[in-house]
Protein backbone atom coordinates (compact mmCIF):
# COMPACT_ATOMS: atom_id res chain seq x y z
CA MET A 1 -11.70 -0.33 7.36
CA ALA A 2 -12.36 0.16 4.01
CA TYR A 3 -10.35 0.59 0.96
CA ALA A 4 -10.50 2.01 -2.03
CA ILE A 5 -7.80 -0.34 -4.53
CA LEU A 6 -5.96 0.64 -7.99
CA ARG A 7 -2.75 -1.25 -9.12
CA PHE A 8 -1.40 -1.37 -12.38
CA ALA A 9 0.81 -4.13 -14.01
CA LYS A 10 2.74 -2.93 -17.37
CA HIS A 11 3.67 -5.88 -19.73
CA LYS A 12 5.68 -6.39 -22.82
CA GLY A 13 3.18 -8.15 -24.53
CA GLY A 14 3.88 -11.89 -23.69
CA ALA A 15 1.20 -11.78 -21.02
CA SER A 16 -1.39 -11.02 -23.36
CA LYS A 17 -2.98 -14.55 -24.36
CA ALA A 18 -2.80 -15.66 -20.31
CA LEU A 19 -4.71 -12.32 -19.18
CA SER A 20 -6.98 -13.13 -21.82
CA ALA A 21 -8.01 -16.16 -20.86
CA HIS A 22 -8.07 -15.22 -17.26
CA HIS A 23 -10.16 -12.01 -18.05
CA GLU A 24 -12.60 -13.31 -20.45
CA ARG A 25 -13.17 -15.91 -18.76
CA THR A 26 -12.03 -18.47 -22.19
CA LYS A 27 -11.30 -21.66 -19.96
CA ASP A 28 -13.80 -24.43 -18.98
CA SER A 29 -12.25 -24.44 -15.81
CA TYR A 30 -9.35 -22.67 -13.69
CA ALA A 31 -7.29 -25.16 -11.46
CA SER A 32 -4.81 -21.82 -11.01
CA ASN A 33 -7.49 -19.96 -9.44
CA PRO A 34 -9.80 -21.88 -7.41
CA ASP A 35 -11.62 -18.98 -6.11
CA ILE A 36 -13.39 -18.93 -9.23
CA ASP A 37 -17.06 -19.66 -9.23
CA LEU A 38 -17.95 -20.34 -12.73
CA SER A 39 -21.36 -20.76 -11.69
CA ARG A 40 -21.65 -16.83 -11.37
CA THR A 41 -19.58 -15.72 -14.39
CA ALA A 42 -22.80 -15.56 -16.29
CA GLN A 43 -23.04 -11.97 -13.00
CA ASN A 44 -19.76 -10.81 -14.64
CA PHE A 45 -19.71 -8.09 -17.39
CA HIS A 46 -18.13 -5.81 -19.71
CA LEU A 47 -17.36 -1.91 -19.81
CA VAL A 48 -15.76 -1.87 -23.06
CA THR A 49 -15.90 -5.57 -24.57
CA PRO A 50 -12.58 -6.42 -26.63
CA ARG A 51 -13.41 -6.98 -30.52
CA TRP A 52 -10.57 -9.27 -30.89
CA SER A 53 -7.69 -11.67 -28.98
CA TYR A 54 -5.80 -9.01 -26.65
CA GLU A 55 -2.73 -9.43 -28.57
CA GLN A 56 -4.59 -8.40 -32.33
CA GLU A 57 -6.18 -5.43 -30.31
CA ILE A 58 -2.59 -4.45 -28.89
CA ARG A 59 -1.23 -4.79 -32.65
CA HIS A 60 -4.42 -3.02 -34.08
CA ARG A 61 -4.04 0.06 -31.78
CA ILE A 62 -0.28 0.30 -32.33
CA GLN A 63 -0.28 -0.32 -35.91
CA THR A 64 -2.96 2.53 -36.43
CA ALA A 65 -0.56 4.66 -34.08
CA GLY A 66 2.48 4.25 -36.46
CA CYS A 67 4.55 4.62 -33.42
CA ARG A 68 7.78 3.14 -32.58
CA VAL A 69 8.42 -0.24 -30.89
CA ARG A 70 11.28 -1.06 -28.73
CA LYS A 71 12.32 -4.34 -27.58
CA ASP A 72 11.54 -3.18 -24.03
CA SER A 73 8.31 -0.90 -24.84
CA VAL A 74 5.36 -1.42 -22.45
CA LYS A 75 2.44 -2.64 -25.11
CA PHE A 76 -0.18 -3.10 -22.26
CA VAL A 77 -1.22 -1.85 -18.74
CA ASP A 78 -3.51 -4.28 -16.97
CA THR A 79 -5.25 -2.18 -14.40
CA LEU A 80 -6.74 -3.57 -11.05
CA VAL A 81 -9.64 -1.80 -9.32
CA THR A 82 -11.68 -3.35 -6.30
CA VAL A 83 -12.19 -2.36 -2.95
CA SER A 84 -11.92 -3.86 0.51
CA PRO A 85 -14.24 -7.75 0.89
CA GLU A 86 -15.91 -5.78 3.87
CA PHE A 87 -17.23 -2.69 1.58
CA ALA A 88 -18.21 -5.04 -1.17
CA LYS A 89 -20.01 -7.22 1.01
CA ALA A 90 -21.69 -4.32 2.68
CA HIS A 91 -22.29 -2.22 -1.05
CA GLU A 92 -23.06 -5.39 -3.06
CA VAL A 93 -25.79 -3.53 -4.84
CA GLU A 94 -23.55 -0.47 -5.79
CA MET A 95 -20.68 -2.45 -7.09
CA PRO A 96 -21.67 -2.23 -10.73
CA GLU A 97 -22.09 2.10 -9.80
CA TYR A 98 -18.33 1.44 -8.23
CA PHE A 99 -16.90 0.27 -11.47
CA ARG A 100 -18.25 2.35 -13.42
CA ARG A 101 -17.28 5.36 -11.60
CA ALA A 102 -13.81 4.22 -11.31
CA PHE A 103 -13.80 3.06 -15.50
CA ASP A 104 -14.64 7.21 -15.77
CA PHE A 105 -12.24 8.35 -14.07
CA LEU A 106 -9.18 6.37 -15.98
CA LYS A 107 -10.93 6.84 -18.96
CA GLU A 108 -10.03 10.41 -18.68
CA ARG A 109 -6.14 9.35 -17.92
CA VAL A 110 -5.46 7.22 -20.01
CA GLY A 111 -7.43 7.58 -23.05
CA GLU A 112 -10.97 5.98 -23.61
CA GLU A 113 -9.71 4.66 -27.16
CA ASN A 114 -6.21 2.94 -25.59
CA ILE A 115 -8.85 1.00 -23.30
CA PHE A 116 -9.56 -2.68 -25.25
CA SER A 117 -10.91 -4.15 -22.28
CA ALA A 118 -12.74 -3.63 -19.02
CA VAL A 119 -14.34 -6.31 -17.86
CA VAL A 120 -15.73 -6.70 -13.89
CA HIS A 121 -15.69 -9.77 -11.97
CA MET A 122 -18.18 -10.98 -9.86
CA ASP A 123 -17.75 -14.23 -9.88
CA GLU A 124 -14.58 -14.54 -7.15
CA LYS A 125 -14.35 -13.77 -3.44
CA THR A 126 -14.38 -10.09 -3.85
CA PRO A 127 -15.64 -7.51 -7.20
CA HIS A 128 -12.85 -6.24 -9.26
CA MET A 129 -12.30 -4.92 -12.20
CA HIS A 130 -9.68 -5.30 -14.90
CA LEU A 131 -9.00 -2.68 -17.59
CA CYS A 132 -6.67 -3.31 -20.08
CA PHE A 133 -4.62 -0.61 -22.22
CA VAL A 134 -2.26 0.48 -24.62
CA PRO A 135 0.05 3.24 -23.35
CA LEU A 136 -0.36 5.50 -26.16
CA THR A 137 0.07 9.38 -25.57
CA ARG A 138 -2.16 12.19 -27.59
CA ASP A 139 0.78 12.36 -30.08
CA LYS A 140 0.61 8.90 -30.69
CA ARG A 141 4.12 7.50 -29.02
CA LEU A 142 4.22 4.31 -27.32
CA SER A 143 5.16 5.16 -23.33
CA ALA A 144 3.84 3.63 -20.43
CA LYS A 145 6.02 6.50 -18.31
CA GLU A 146 4.62 9.51 -19.67
CA ILE A 147 0.74 8.09 -18.55
CA LEU A 148 1.86 6.54 -15.44
CA GLY A 149 4.59 8.68 -14.56
CA ASN A 150 7.34 8.12 -11.61
CA LYS A 151 7.14 6.82 -7.91
CA LYS A 152 5.54 10.35 -7.18
CA SER A 153 3.05 10.04 -9.58
CA MET A 154 1.63 6.75 -8.54
CA ILE A 155 1.40 8.68 -5.55
CA ARG A 156 -1.11 11.07 -7.04
CA TRP A 157 -2.54 8.27 -8.80
CA GLN A 158 -3.79 7.16 -5.75
CA ASP A 159 -4.65 10.49 -3.83
CA ASP A 160 -7.08 11.45 -7.15
CA PHE A 161 -8.64 7.69 -7.39
CA TYR A 162 -9.62 8.17 -3.54
CA ALA A 163 -10.73 11.34 -3.71
CA CYS A 164 -12.74 10.24 -7.04
CA MET A 165 -14.14 7.46 -4.86
CA ALA A 166 -14.61 8.79 -1.76
CA GLU A 167 -16.52 11.69 -3.14
CA ARG A 168 -19.72 9.31 -3.45
CA TRP A 169 -18.29 6.87 -0.52
CA PRO A 170 -17.46 8.63 2.77
CA GLU A 171 -16.37 6.13 4.50
CA LEU A 172 -13.71 4.66 2.46
CA GLU A 173 -10.18 5.05 3.37
CA ARG A 174 -7.16 5.64 1.23
CA GLY A 175 -4.68 3.09 1.39
CA THR A 176 -0.72 3.25 1.75
CA PRO A 177 0.60 2.98 -1.41
CA ALA A 178 3.28 0.40 -2.21
CA VAL A 179 5.72 3.28 -2.94
CA GLU A 180 5.45 4.40 0.59
CA THR A 181 5.33 1.64 2.49
CA LYS A 182 8.23 -0.17 0.90
CA ARG A 183 10.47 3.05 1.76
CA ARG A 184 10.41 2.64 5.46
CA HIS A 185 13.29 0.12 5.10
CA LEU A 186 15.43 -1.27 7.49
CA THR A 187 18.28 1.57 6.53
CA PRO A 188 22.03 2.21 8.63
CA GLN A 189 20.76 5.67 9.35
CA TRP A 190 17.57 3.73 11.46
CA TYR A 191 20.03 1.84 12.88
CA LYS A 192 22.01 4.51 14.07
CA LYS A 193 19.43 6.14 15.23
CA VAL A 194 18.68 3.38 17.34
CA THR A 195 21.74 2.77 18.75
CA ALA A 196 22.07 6.26 19.59
CA MET A 197 18.63 6.03 21.94
CA ASP A 198 20.20 2.47 23.22
CA ALA A 199 23.18 4.90 24.56
CA LYS A 200 20.90 7.34 26.51
CA LEU A 201 18.98 4.87 27.49
CA GLU A 202 21.34 2.83 29.49
CA GLN A 203 23.59 6.08 30.86
CA LEU A 204 19.95 6.88 31.94
CA GLU A 205 19.35 3.47 33.73
CA ALA A 206 22.98 4.05 35.22
CA THR A 207 22.93 7.61 36.15
CA LEU A 208 19.40 6.69 38.13
CA ASN A 209 21.28 3.39 39.60
CA ASN A 210 23.42 5.49 41.18
CA ILE A 211 21.28 7.92 42.56
CA ASN A 212 18.70 5.80 44.00
CA VAL A 213 15.39 7.59 42.03
CA PHE A 214 16.29 11.21 42.07
CA ASN A 215 18.54 12.42 45.00
CA ALA A 216 19.85 16.42 44.48
CA GLY A 217 23.22 17.00 43.17
CA LYS A 218 24.80 16.68 40.45
CA LYS A 219 23.56 13.28 39.20
CA ARG A 220 19.96 14.90 39.51
CA GLU A 221 20.99 17.47 36.79
CA GLU A 222 22.76 14.80 34.46
CA ALA A 223 19.60 12.58 34.63
CA VAL A 224 17.43 15.72 34.26
CA ALA A 225 19.54 16.67 30.71
CA LEU A 226 19.51 13.12 30.10
CA LEU A 227 15.58 13.52 30.56
CA ALA A 228 15.09 16.48 28.03
CA GLN A 229 16.94 14.55 25.17
CA LEU A 230 15.37 11.19 25.56
CA LEU A 231 11.79 11.80 26.06
CA PRO A 232 10.97 13.28 22.71
CA GLU A 233 12.65 10.27 21.42
CA VAL A 234 10.56 8.08 22.89
CA GLU A 235 7.63 9.80 21.97
CA SER A 236 8.84 9.77 18.48
CA PHE A 237 9.75 5.77 18.72
CA GLN A 238 5.91 5.44 20.06
CA ALA A 239 4.67 7.08 17.00
CA GLU A 240 6.68 5.26 14.50
CA THR A 241 5.62 1.89 16.15
CA GLN A 242 1.97 2.63 15.85
CA ARG A 243 2.48 3.99 12.37
CA LEU A 244 3.96 0.21 12.03
CA ARG A 245 1.64 -1.69 13.32
CA ASP A 246 -1.04 0.21 10.91
CA THR A 247 1.32 -0.28 7.98
CA ILE A 248 1.80 -4.10 8.73
CA ALA A 249 -1.82 -4.31 8.97
CA HIS A 250 -3.10 -2.94 6.15
CA GLU A 251 -0.17 -5.07 4.20
CA ARG A 252 -1.36 -7.93 5.64
CA ARG A 253 -5.05 -6.98 4.70
CA ASN A 254 -3.85 -6.61 1.26
CA ALA A 255 -1.53 -9.84 0.88
CA SER A 256 -4.65 -11.69 1.96
CA PHE A 257 -7.42 -10.01 -0.47
CA GLN A 258 -4.65 -10.62 -3.06
CA ARG A 259 -4.44 -14.18 -2.59
CA GLU A 260 -8.34 -13.64 -2.67
CA ILE A 261 -8.56 -12.33 -6.65
CA ASN A 262 -6.11 -14.80 -8.81
CA ALA A 263 -2.99 -16.49 -9.13
CA ASP A 264 -1.66 -13.80 -11.75
CA LEU A 265 -0.63 -12.05 -8.42
CA ARG A 266 1.36 -14.43 -6.83
CA ASN A 267 4.66 -12.38 -6.92
CA GLU A 268 3.31 -9.30 -5.77
CA LEU A 269 1.91 -11.50 -3.01
CA LYS A 270 5.70 -13.15 -2.80
CA ALA A 271 6.96 -9.22 -2.15
CA GLU A 272 4.40 -8.19 -0.15
CA ARG A 273 5.00 -11.07 2.99
CA SER A 274 8.74 -10.19 2.40
CA HIS A 275 8.34 -6.58 2.93
CA SER A 276 6.04 -7.33 5.65
CA PHE A 277 8.26 -9.53 7.46
CA ASP A 278 10.75 -6.89 7.17
CA GLN A 279 8.99 -4.03 8.99
CA SER A 280 7.92 -6.68 11.61
CA ILE A 281 11.20 -6.65 12.62
CA LYS A 282 11.27 -3.23 12.71
CA LEU A 283 8.44 -3.10 14.74
CA SER A 284 10.19 -5.83 17.42
CA GLU A 285 13.17 -3.65 17.60
CA LEU A 286 11.14 -0.87 18.32
CA GLU A 287 8.55 -2.04 20.95
CA ARG A 288 11.82 -3.56 22.75
CA ARG A 289 13.00 -0.18 23.06
CA CYS A 290 9.96 1.76 23.75
CA LYS A 291 9.24 -1.05 27.01
CA ARG A 292 12.61 -0.42 27.68
CA ALA A 293 12.29 3.33 27.97
CA GLU A 294 8.92 3.42 29.65
CA LYS A 295 10.30 1.16 32.62
CA LEU A 296 12.71 3.71 33.35
CA LEU A 297 10.41 6.71 32.93
CA SER A 298 8.07 4.58 35.28
CA LYS A 299 11.53 5.09 38.07
CA ILE A 300 11.17 8.93 38.07
CA PRO A 301 8.60 11.14 39.77
CA GLN A 302 5.52 12.84 37.53
CA GLU A 303 6.45 15.99 39.27
CA GLU A 304 9.95 15.68 37.23
CA LEU A 305 8.64 14.80 34.07
CA ASP A 306 6.22 17.85 34.27
CA LYS A 307 8.96 20.35 35.12
CA LEU A 308 10.43 19.03 31.32
CA LEU A 309 7.37 18.78 29.19
CA PRO A 310 4.85 21.28 31.32
CA LYS A 311 2.49 20.94 27.99
CA GLN A 312 3.02 17.02 27.24
CA LYS A 313 0.05 15.39 28.42
CA GLY A 314 2.49 12.85 29.45
CA LEU A 315 3.49 9.22 28.51
CA GLU A 316 2.26 5.75 29.03
CA ARG A 317 4.08 4.81 32.60
């Protein structure tokens, strides 16, 4: 699968020198990022070339705007635009067009006059663009919060960016934003749901063992009632298990890809790995319960399941 990728990193100003050295390739060697192939650096190109150092570019825009700057103000945003490696390889000649389209999308939203550098790196394993801008509003206030918005706004950013890029390349897919994937953590409510399902599975198992696979009478009615409750839950758990598999696979691909881009993303990579580990624990729990449920359901005649869910195509047996 090929994903259009957009990431924002907010900075208060202290990182400007290090980022400038990396983005603008001002050093002779990059020990922290062995993926940089200096023999290909000449292939890099700018969509916006900075006139001065990043620090001077930032200071100039803030002073010209005459806006107030607090100690904790975000002074600039480093934007990463890229795409899955397999897409970049298959569409190598179209990469300049890809980044130009992404640049046009961003300049309309953050203000072209606020962008002080936009450079495309072709000298690493996967092409990508670093676009840096000062988050100035139209009325000349310094506000990354207003420009980028909150967590819900970040989802809209991803939706709109995907729509823009997929209009030209329909084979692209929308990745799962971090704000969405990180929402699926191991909450007390989730454990409560899992515990309730365990109790129903144990009750059904005991009932089935007592009646020797669905004989008539009170026990049969009890088993049917339990099944009516359990089948939708098993189906829900199976769907959630598949969603988690997809999420974990995406996060692992993303973590691997971030490792390729540059050493500046190590902290984010660490967070992705930690979250992926949590998701793996949850997936393991879900898979164990689904297998147990399917084992129990395999003891029940199909005609009984069909009576309970006549429109259901049937669970995996």
